Amino acid sequence: MQHSSSRCLYIKCKKQKELAPVIVEAAEASCKEAQREELECSESSELEGSFDAGWQKRGSGWSCKSNWVNTGKVVEFDVRTRNCSICQYHIGKNEPKPLHECNVNWTGSSKGMEPDMACSMIQGLLRIDITVGTLHADNDATTQSRLPRSIIKKMVKHM
């Protein structure tokens, strides 16, 4: 039996929507445990870690993570998505978009995604009383300028 392309798209998106919350919940639990371990291993109240963002091989968004010096584990993550496959499908067919749970969470430029995620992750850690003293990152001036010295005391650039 052959499926129409819209039916296949619906099934694929439905399964992704069902699995996504489970995956996010597991990732958040893993990060919380890594945060606890990092705090236990740290000799200072200000943690030292690294941050990087990258394009997905397939898809239309960025994902990023932060690893920390003592454990090397991911203690925070974030995702930005500019496109929704359901929206794109119906736009391509010149049809009205159906009501659906759209996953777009970014409308700005691609250049602005990385600094936005860095700020979001650092602020998320601050909300749970985790202070980042030193952050290792790539040589992105935009990210560096968006993280004020009041949040990050030292930013180490790597090429």
N, C-alpha and C. Protein backbone atom coordinates (compact mmCIF):
# COMPACT_ATOMS: atom_id res chain seq x y z
N MET A 1 0.84 -1.18 0.00
CA MET A 1 0.00 0.00 0.00
C MET A 1 0.88 1.24 0.00
N GLN A 2 0.64 2.15 -0.90
CA GLN A 2 1.42 3.37 -0.97
C GLN A 2 0.72 4.47 -0.18
N HIS A 3 1.53 5.24 0.53
CA HIS A 3 1.00 6.36 1.29
C HIS A 3 1.19 7.65 0.49
N SER A 4 0.25 8.54 0.61
CA SER A 4 0.47 9.85 0.00
C SER A 4 1.57 10.55 0.80
N SER A 5 2.25 11.49 0.17
CA SER A 5 3.36 12.17 0.85
C SER A 5 2.88 12.93 2.08
N SER A 6 1.66 13.50 2.05
CA SER A 6 1.18 14.22 3.23
C SER A 6 0.89 13.25 4.37
N ARG A 7 0.42 12.04 4.06
CA ARG A 7 0.16 11.04 5.10
C ARG A 7 1.48 10.60 5.74
N CYS A 8 2.50 10.37 4.92
CA CYS A 8 3.81 9.99 5.45
C CYS A 8 4.39 11.11 6.31
N LEU A 9 4.25 12.33 5.86
CA LEU A 9 4.72 13.48 6.62
C LEU A 9 4.01 13.53 7.96
N TYR A 10 2.69 13.31 7.95
CA TYR A 10 1.91 13.33 9.18
C TYR A 10 2.39 12.26 10.15
N ILE A 11 2.61 11.04 9.66
CA ILE A 11 3.05 9.94 10.51
C ILE A 11 4.43 10.23 11.09
N LYS A 12 5.34 10.70 10.24
CA LYS A 12 6.70 11.03 10.69
C LYS A 12 6.64 12.11 11.77
N CYS A 13 5.92 13.18 11.51
CA CYS A 13 5.84 14.28 12.47
C CYS A 13 5.14 13.86 13.75
N LYS A 14 4.11 13.02 13.63
CA LYS A 14 3.39 12.55 14.81
C LYS A 14 4.32 11.75 15.71
N LYS A 15 5.11 10.85 15.12
CA LYS A 15 6.05 10.05 15.92
C LYS A 15 7.11 10.93 16.56
N GLN A 16 7.62 11.91 15.80
CA GLN A 16 8.61 12.83 16.37
C GLN A 16 8.02 13.61 17.53
N LYS A 17 6.79 14.06 17.38
CA LYS A 17 6.13 14.82 18.45
C LYS A 17 5.92 13.95 19.69
N GLU A 18 5.66 12.66 19.49
CA GLU A 18 5.48 11.75 20.62
C GLU A 18 6.81 11.49 21.33
N LEU A 19 7.88 11.34 20.56
CA LEU A 19 9.18 11.00 21.14
C LEU A 19 9.92 12.20 21.72
N ALA A 20 9.74 13.36 21.14
CA ALA A 20 10.50 14.54 21.56
C ALA A 20 10.41 14.83 23.05
N PRO A 21 9.22 14.85 23.66
CA PRO A 21 9.17 15.14 25.09
C PRO A 21 9.91 14.11 25.95
N VAL A 22 9.88 12.86 25.54
CA VAL A 22 10.58 11.81 26.28
C VAL A 22 12.09 12.03 26.19
N ILE A 23 12.57 12.35 25.01
CA ILE A 23 14.00 12.60 24.81
C ILE A 23 14.45 13.83 25.59
N VAL A 24 13.68 14.90 25.52
CA VAL A 24 14.03 16.13 26.24
C VAL A 24 14.05 15.89 27.74
N GLU A 25 13.07 15.14 28.24
CA GLU A 25 13.02 14.83 29.68
C GLU A 25 14.27 14.04 30.11
N ALA A 26 14.67 13.07 29.32
CA ALA A 26 15.86 12.28 29.63
C ALA A 26 17.12 13.15 29.59
N ALA A 27 17.21 14.03 28.60
CA ALA A 27 18.37 14.92 28.48
C ALA A 27 18.43 15.88 29.66
N GLU A 28 17.29 16.43 30.05
CA GLU A 28 17.27 17.34 31.20
C GLU A 28 17.67 16.63 32.49
N ALA A 29 17.21 15.41 32.68
CA ALA A 29 17.59 14.63 33.87
C ALA A 29 19.09 14.35 33.87
N SER A 30 19.63 14.02 32.70
CA SER A 30 21.07 13.78 32.58
C SER A 30 21.86 15.04 32.91
N CYS A 31 21.39 16.19 32.43
CA CYS A 31 22.07 17.46 32.71
C CYS A 31 22.03 17.78 34.20
N LYS A 32 20.90 17.56 34.84
CA LYS A 32 20.79 17.83 36.28
C LYS A 32 21.79 16.98 37.07
N GLU A 33 21.92 15.71 36.70
CA GLU A 33 22.88 14.84 37.37
C GLU A 33 24.31 15.31 37.10
N ALA A 34 24.60 15.72 35.87
CA ALA A 34 25.93 16.23 35.53
C ALA A 34 26.23 17.52 36.28
N GLN A 35 25.23 18.37 36.46
CA GLN A 35 25.42 19.61 37.23
C GLN A 35 25.80 19.27 38.67
N ARG A 36 25.09 18.32 39.26
CA ARG A 36 25.38 17.90 40.63
C ARG A 36 26.82 17.38 40.74
N GLU A 37 27.22 16.51 39.80
CA GLU A 37 28.57 15.94 39.81
C GLU A 37 29.62 17.03 39.64
N GLU A 38 29.37 17.97 38.73
CA GLU A 38 30.33 19.05 38.47
C GLU A 38 30.52 19.91 39.72
N LEU A 39 29.44 20.23 40.40
CA LEU A 39 29.53 21.03 41.62
C LEU A 39 30.30 20.29 42.71
N GLU A 40 30.09 18.98 42.82
CA GLU A 40 30.80 18.17 43.81
C GLU A 40 32.30 18.14 43.54
N CYS A 41 32.69 18.13 42.27
CA CYS A 41 34.11 18.03 41.89
C CYS A 41 34.83 19.38 41.89
N SER A 42 34.09 20.45 41.85
CA SER A 42 34.68 21.77 41.70
C SER A 42 35.33 22.24 43.00
N GLU A 43 36.49 22.88 42.86
CA GLU A 43 37.19 23.45 44.01
C GLU A 43 36.76 24.90 44.24
N SER A 44 35.98 25.45 43.31
CA SER A 44 35.56 26.84 43.38
C SER A 44 34.04 26.91 43.29
N SER A 45 33.49 28.04 43.70
CA SER A 45 32.04 28.23 43.56
C SER A 45 31.69 28.68 42.14
N GLU A 46 32.71 29.04 41.35
CA GLU A 46 32.51 29.44 39.96
C GLU A 46 33.04 28.34 39.05
N LEU A 47 32.16 27.79 38.26
CA LEU A 47 32.54 26.66 37.40
C LEU A 47 33.24 27.12 36.13
N GLU A 48 34.01 26.22 35.56
CA GLU A 48 34.72 26.46 34.30
C GLU A 48 34.24 25.43 33.29
N GLY A 49 33.82 25.93 32.12
CA GLY A 49 33.30 25.00 31.12
C GLY A 49 33.51 25.48 29.71
N SER A 50 33.02 24.70 28.76
CA SER A 50 33.14 25.06 27.35
C SER A 50 31.76 25.07 26.71
N PHE A 51 31.67 25.81 25.62
CA PHE A 51 30.41 25.98 24.92
C PHE A 51 30.66 25.91 23.43
N ASP A 52 29.77 25.23 22.72
CA ASP A 52 29.86 25.23 21.27
C ASP A 52 28.49 24.95 20.69
N ALA A 53 28.25 25.50 19.52
CA ALA A 53 26.99 25.27 18.81
C ALA A 53 27.32 24.80 17.41
N GLY A 54 26.40 24.07 16.81
CA GLY A 54 26.64 23.60 15.45
C GLY A 54 25.35 23.26 14.74
N TRP A 55 25.44 23.29 13.42
CA TRP A 55 24.29 22.95 12.59
C TRP A 55 24.03 21.46 12.68
N GLN A 56 22.76 21.11 12.63
CA GLN A 56 22.38 19.72 12.50
C GLN A 56 22.75 19.26 11.09
N LYS A 57 23.10 18.00 10.92
CA LYS A 57 23.40 17.51 9.57
C LYS A 57 22.14 17.51 8.72
N ARG A 58 21.01 17.18 9.31
CA ARG A 58 19.73 17.27 8.62
C ARG A 58 18.84 18.13 9.48
N GLY A 59 18.05 18.93 8.87
CA GLY A 59 17.15 19.77 9.63
C GLY A 59 17.48 21.23 9.40
N SER A 60 16.92 22.05 10.20
CA SER A 60 17.04 23.47 9.93
C SER A 60 17.32 24.25 11.20
N GLY A 61 18.04 23.67 12.10
CA GLY A 61 18.30 24.39 13.34
C GLY A 61 19.69 24.16 13.87
N TRP A 62 19.99 24.81 14.95
CA TRP A 62 21.26 24.67 15.66
C TRP A 62 20.99 23.89 16.93
N SER A 63 21.98 23.19 17.37
CA SER A 63 21.93 22.65 18.72
C SER A 63 23.25 23.01 19.37
N CYS A 64 23.22 23.14 20.65
CA CYS A 64 24.49 23.44 21.32
C CYS A 64 24.52 22.78 22.67
N LYS A 65 25.72 22.69 23.20
CA LYS A 65 25.93 22.03 24.46
C LYS A 65 27.03 22.74 25.22
N SER A 66 27.10 22.49 26.49
CA SER A 66 28.18 23.02 27.30
C SER A 66 28.77 21.86 28.10
N ASN A 67 30.07 21.69 27.98
CA ASN A 67 30.80 20.65 28.72
C ASN A 67 31.62 21.34 29.80
N TRP A 68 31.91 20.61 30.86
CA TRP A 68 32.58 21.24 31.99
C TRP A 68 33.89 20.54 32.31
N VAL A 69 34.80 21.32 32.87
CA VAL A 69 36.20 20.92 33.04
C VAL A 69 36.36 19.69 33.93
N ASN A 70 35.69 19.64 35.04
CA ASN A 70 35.93 18.55 36.00
C ASN A 70 35.40 17.21 35.53
N THR A 71 34.20 17.18 34.99
CA THR A 71 33.59 15.90 34.61
C THR A 71 33.58 15.67 33.11
N GLY A 72 33.65 16.73 32.32
CA GLY A 72 33.57 16.62 30.88
C GLY A 72 32.16 16.32 30.39
N LYS A 73 31.19 16.39 31.29
CA LYS A 73 29.81 16.05 30.94
C LYS A 73 29.04 17.29 30.48
N VAL A 74 27.98 17.04 29.76
CA VAL A 74 27.09 18.12 29.31
C VAL A 74 26.19 18.50 30.48
N VAL A 75 26.23 19.78 30.87
CA VAL A 75 25.42 20.23 32.00
C VAL A 75 24.24 21.09 31.55
N GLU A 76 24.21 21.46 30.28
CA GLU A 76 23.11 22.28 29.76
C GLU A 76 23.09 22.13 28.25
N PHE A 77 21.92 22.25 27.65
CA PHE A 77 21.80 22.19 26.19
C PHE A 77 20.66 23.10 25.76
N ASP A 78 20.66 23.42 24.49
CA ASP A 78 19.60 24.26 23.93
C ASP A 78 19.48 23.99 22.44
N VAL A 79 18.33 24.27 21.87
CA VAL A 79 18.09 24.05 20.45
C VAL A 79 17.31 25.25 19.90
N ARG A 80 17.68 25.68 18.72
CA ARG A 80 16.94 26.71 18.01
C ARG A 80 16.54 26.16 16.64
N THR A 81 15.30 26.35 16.24
CA THR A 81 14.80 25.84 14.97
C THR A 81 14.10 26.96 14.22
N ARG A 82 14.47 27.11 12.95
CA ARG A 82 13.86 28.16 12.12
C ARG A 82 12.78 27.65 11.19
N ASN A 83 12.74 26.36 10.94
CA ASN A 83 11.78 25.81 9.98
C ASN A 83 11.00 24.66 10.59
N CYS A 84 9.79 24.50 10.12
CA CYS A 84 8.92 23.39 10.52
C CYS A 84 8.57 22.61 9.26
N SER A 85 8.76 21.31 9.28
CA SER A 85 8.51 20.51 8.07
C SER A 85 7.04 20.56 7.64
N ILE A 86 6.14 20.64 8.59
CA ILE A 86 4.72 20.71 8.23
C ILE A 86 4.43 22.05 7.54
N CYS A 87 4.92 23.12 8.14
CA CYS A 87 4.72 24.45 7.52
C CYS A 87 5.35 24.49 6.13
N GLN A 88 6.59 24.02 6.02
CA GLN A 88 7.30 24.06 4.74
C GLN A 88 6.58 23.25 3.67
N TYR A 89 6.05 22.10 4.05
CA TYR A 89 5.33 21.25 3.09
C TYR A 89 4.14 22.00 2.51
N HIS A 90 3.34 22.59 3.38
CA HIS A 90 2.12 23.25 2.92
C HIS A 90 2.42 24.57 2.20
N ILE A 91 3.47 25.26 2.60
CA ILE A 91 3.88 26.47 1.88
C ILE A 91 4.31 26.09 0.47
N GLY A 92 5.07 24.99 0.34
CA GLY A 92 5.53 24.51 -0.96
C GLY A 92 4.37 24.11 -1.88
N LYS A 93 3.30 23.63 -1.31
CA LYS A 93 2.12 23.23 -2.08
C LYS A 93 1.15 24.41 -2.28
N ASN A 94 1.53 25.57 -1.73
CA ASN A 94 0.68 26.77 -1.79
C ASN A 94 -0.69 26.50 -1.15
N GLU A 95 -0.65 25.79 -0.02
CA GLU A 95 -1.86 25.46 0.72
C GLU A 95 -1.82 26.15 2.07
N PRO A 96 -2.98 26.35 2.68
CA PRO A 96 -2.97 26.92 4.03
C PRO A 96 -2.36 25.91 5.01
N LYS A 97 -1.63 26.41 5.97
CA LYS A 97 -1.02 25.54 6.98
C LYS A 97 -2.10 25.05 7.93
N PRO A 98 -2.11 23.75 8.22
CA PRO A 98 -3.09 23.24 9.18
C PRO A 98 -2.69 23.62 10.60
N LEU A 99 -3.64 23.57 11.50
CA LEU A 99 -3.31 23.77 12.91
C LEU A 99 -2.43 22.61 13.34
N HIS A 100 -1.30 22.92 13.93
CA HIS A 100 -0.39 21.88 14.38
C HIS A 100 0.53 22.47 15.44
N GLU A 101 1.26 21.59 16.09
CA GLU A 101 2.23 22.02 17.09
C GLU A 101 3.53 22.35 16.37
N CYS A 102 3.71 23.61 16.03
CA CYS A 102 4.86 24.05 15.25
C CYS A 102 6.10 24.09 16.15
N ASN A 103 7.24 23.62 15.63
CA ASN A 103 8.46 23.57 16.43
C ASN A 103 9.40 24.75 16.20
N VAL A 104 8.98 25.74 15.44
CA VAL A 104 9.82 26.92 15.20
C VAL A 104 9.95 27.70 16.51
N ASN A 105 11.19 27.96 16.91
CA ASN A 105 11.42 28.76 18.10
C ASN A 105 12.47 29.86 17.87
N TRP A 106 12.75 30.13 16.60
CA TRP A 106 13.72 31.17 16.27
C TRP A 106 13.33 31.84 14.96
N THR A 107 13.26 33.16 14.97
CA THR A 107 12.93 33.89 13.75
C THR A 107 14.05 34.85 13.35
N GLY A 108 15.08 34.96 14.17
CA GLY A 108 16.19 35.87 13.86
C GLY A 108 17.16 35.26 12.86
N SER A 109 18.30 35.92 12.72
CA SER A 109 19.32 35.45 11.78
C SER A 109 20.04 34.22 12.34
N SER A 110 20.65 33.46 11.45
CA SER A 110 21.45 32.30 11.87
C SER A 110 22.62 32.75 12.73
N LYS A 111 23.19 33.90 12.41
CA LYS A 111 24.33 34.44 13.16
C LYS A 111 23.97 34.69 14.62
N GLY A 112 22.71 35.01 14.88
CA GLY A 112 22.30 35.32 16.24
C GLY A 112 21.93 34.12 17.09
N MET A 113 21.83 32.95 16.48
CA MET A 113 21.42 31.75 17.24
C MET A 113 22.42 31.38 18.32
N GLU A 114 23.69 31.28 17.96
CA GLU A 114 24.70 30.82 18.92
C GLU A 114 24.79 31.72 20.15
N PRO A 115 24.90 33.05 19.98
CA PRO A 115 24.96 33.88 21.19
C PRO A 115 23.67 33.81 22.02
N ASP A 116 22.53 33.67 21.37
CA ASP A 116 21.28 33.57 22.10
C ASP A 116 21.25 32.31 22.95
N MET A 117 21.72 31.20 22.38
CA MET A 117 21.74 29.95 23.13
C MET A 117 22.74 30.01 24.28
N ALA A 118 23.89 30.64 24.05
CA ALA A 118 24.89 30.77 25.12
C ALA A 118 24.29 31.54 26.29
N CYS A 119 23.66 32.67 25.99
CA CYS A 119 23.04 33.47 27.05
C CYS A 119 21.94 32.69 27.76
N SER A 120 21.13 31.99 26.99
CA SER A 120 20.02 31.22 27.56
C SER A 120 20.54 30.14 28.52
N MET A 121 21.58 29.43 28.11
CA MET A 121 22.11 28.36 28.95
C MET A 121 22.75 28.91 30.21
N ILE A 122 23.54 29.98 30.09
CA ILE A 122 24.20 30.57 31.26
C ILE A 122 23.15 31.12 32.22
N GLN A 123 22.13 31.80 31.70
CA GLN A 123 21.07 32.32 32.56
C GLN A 123 20.29 31.20 33.22
N GLY A 124 20.09 30.09 32.50
CA GLY A 124 19.43 28.92 33.09
C GLY A 124 20.22 28.36 34.27
N LEU A 125 21.54 28.33 34.13
CA LEU A 125 22.39 27.86 35.23
C LEU A 125 22.33 28.85 36.40
N LEU A 126 22.34 30.14 36.09
CA LEU A 126 22.25 31.15 37.15
C LEU A 126 20.95 31.02 37.95
N ARG A 127 19.85 30.69 37.27
CA ARG A 127 18.56 30.54 37.95
C ARG A 127 18.58 29.43 38.99
N ILE A 128 19.47 28.46 38.83
CA ILE A 128 19.57 27.38 39.81
C ILE A 128 20.85 27.53 40.64
N ASP A 129 21.33 28.77 40.71
CA ASP A 129 22.48 29.16 41.55
C ASP A 129 23.79 28.49 41.15
N ILE A 130 23.99 28.27 39.86
CA ILE A 130 25.27 27.78 39.36
C ILE A 130 25.92 28.94 38.62
N THR A 131 27.09 29.36 39.11
CA THR A 131 27.82 30.48 38.52
C THR A 131 28.93 29.96 37.62
N VAL A 132 29.05 30.54 36.43
CA VAL A 132 30.12 30.19 35.50
C VAL A 132 31.17 31.28 35.58
N GLY A 133 32.37 30.90 36.02
CA GLY A 133 33.46 31.87 36.13
C GLY A 133 34.25 31.99 34.85
N THR A 134 34.53 30.86 34.19
CA THR A 134 35.31 30.85 32.96
C THR A 134 34.58 30.02 31.92
N LEU A 135 34.48 30.59 30.71
CA LEU A 135 33.83 29.88 29.62
C LEU A 135 34.79 29.80 28.44
N HIS A 136 35.07 28.60 27.97
CA HIS A 136 35.89 28.37 26.79
C HIS A 136 34.95 28.30 25.59
N ALA A 137 35.25 29.06 24.55
CA ALA A 137 34.38 29.09 23.38
C ALA A 137 35.21 29.36 22.14
N ASP A 138 34.55 29.23 20.97
CA ASP A 138 35.26 29.55 19.73
C ASP A 138 35.44 31.06 19.63
N ASN A 139 36.08 31.50 18.60
CA ASN A 139 36.46 32.90 18.46
C ASN A 139 35.31 33.72 17.84
N ASP A 140 34.12 33.62 18.40
CA ASP A 140 32.95 34.32 17.89
C ASP A 140 32.72 35.60 18.69
N ALA A 141 33.00 36.73 18.09
CA ALA A 141 32.88 38.02 18.77
C ALA A 141 31.43 38.32 19.18
N THR A 142 30.46 37.84 18.40
CA THR A 142 29.06 38.11 18.73
C THR A 142 28.69 37.44 20.05
N THR A 143 29.08 36.19 20.21
CA THR A 143 28.79 35.47 21.45
C THR A 143 29.48 36.16 22.62
N GLN A 144 30.73 36.53 22.43
CA GLN A 144 31.48 37.19 23.49
C GLN A 144 30.84 38.51 23.91
N SER A 145 30.35 39.28 22.94
CA SER A 145 29.76 40.57 23.26
C SER A 145 28.41 40.45 23.96
N ARG A 146 27.70 39.35 23.74
CA ARG A 146 26.38 39.18 24.35
C ARG A 146 26.46 38.66 25.79
N LEU A 147 27.59 38.11 26.18
CA LEU A 147 27.74 37.61 27.54
C LEU A 147 28.45 38.67 28.38
N PRO A 148 27.71 39.46 29.12
CA PRO A 148 28.33 40.53 29.89
C PRO A 148 29.25 40.01 30.98
N ARG A 149 30.22 40.82 31.35
CA ARG A 149 31.17 40.44 32.40
C ARG A 149 30.49 40.15 33.73
N SER A 150 29.30 40.66 33.92
CA SER A 150 28.57 40.37 35.16
C SER A 150 28.13 38.90 35.20
N ILE A 151 28.04 38.27 34.04
CA ILE A 151 27.64 36.86 33.98
C ILE A 151 28.86 35.95 33.90
N ILE A 152 29.78 36.27 32.99
CA ILE A 152 31.00 35.48 32.79
C ILE A 152 32.19 36.37 33.10
N LYS A 153 33.01 35.95 34.05
CA LYS A 153 34.16 36.76 34.43
C LYS A 153 35.31 36.64 33.43
N LYS A 154 35.46 35.44 32.84
CA LYS A 154 36.57 35.21 31.93
C LYS A 154 36.10 34.35 30.76
N MET A 155 36.37 34.84 29.55
CA MET A 155 36.02 34.07 28.36
C MET A 155 37.33 33.74 27.65
N VAL A 156 37.59 32.46 27.44
CA VAL A 156 38.81 32.01 26.77
C VAL A 156 38.45 31.65 25.34
N LYS A 157 39.11 32.33 24.38
CA LYS A 157 38.83 32.10 22.97
C LYS A 157 39.71 30.98 22.43
N HIS A 158 39.11 30.12 21.62
CA HIS A 158 39.85 29.06 20.95
C HIS A 158 39.56 29.16 19.46
N MET A 159 40.54 28.98 18.65
CA MET A 159 40.35 29.05 17.19
C MET A 159 39.81 27.74 16.68
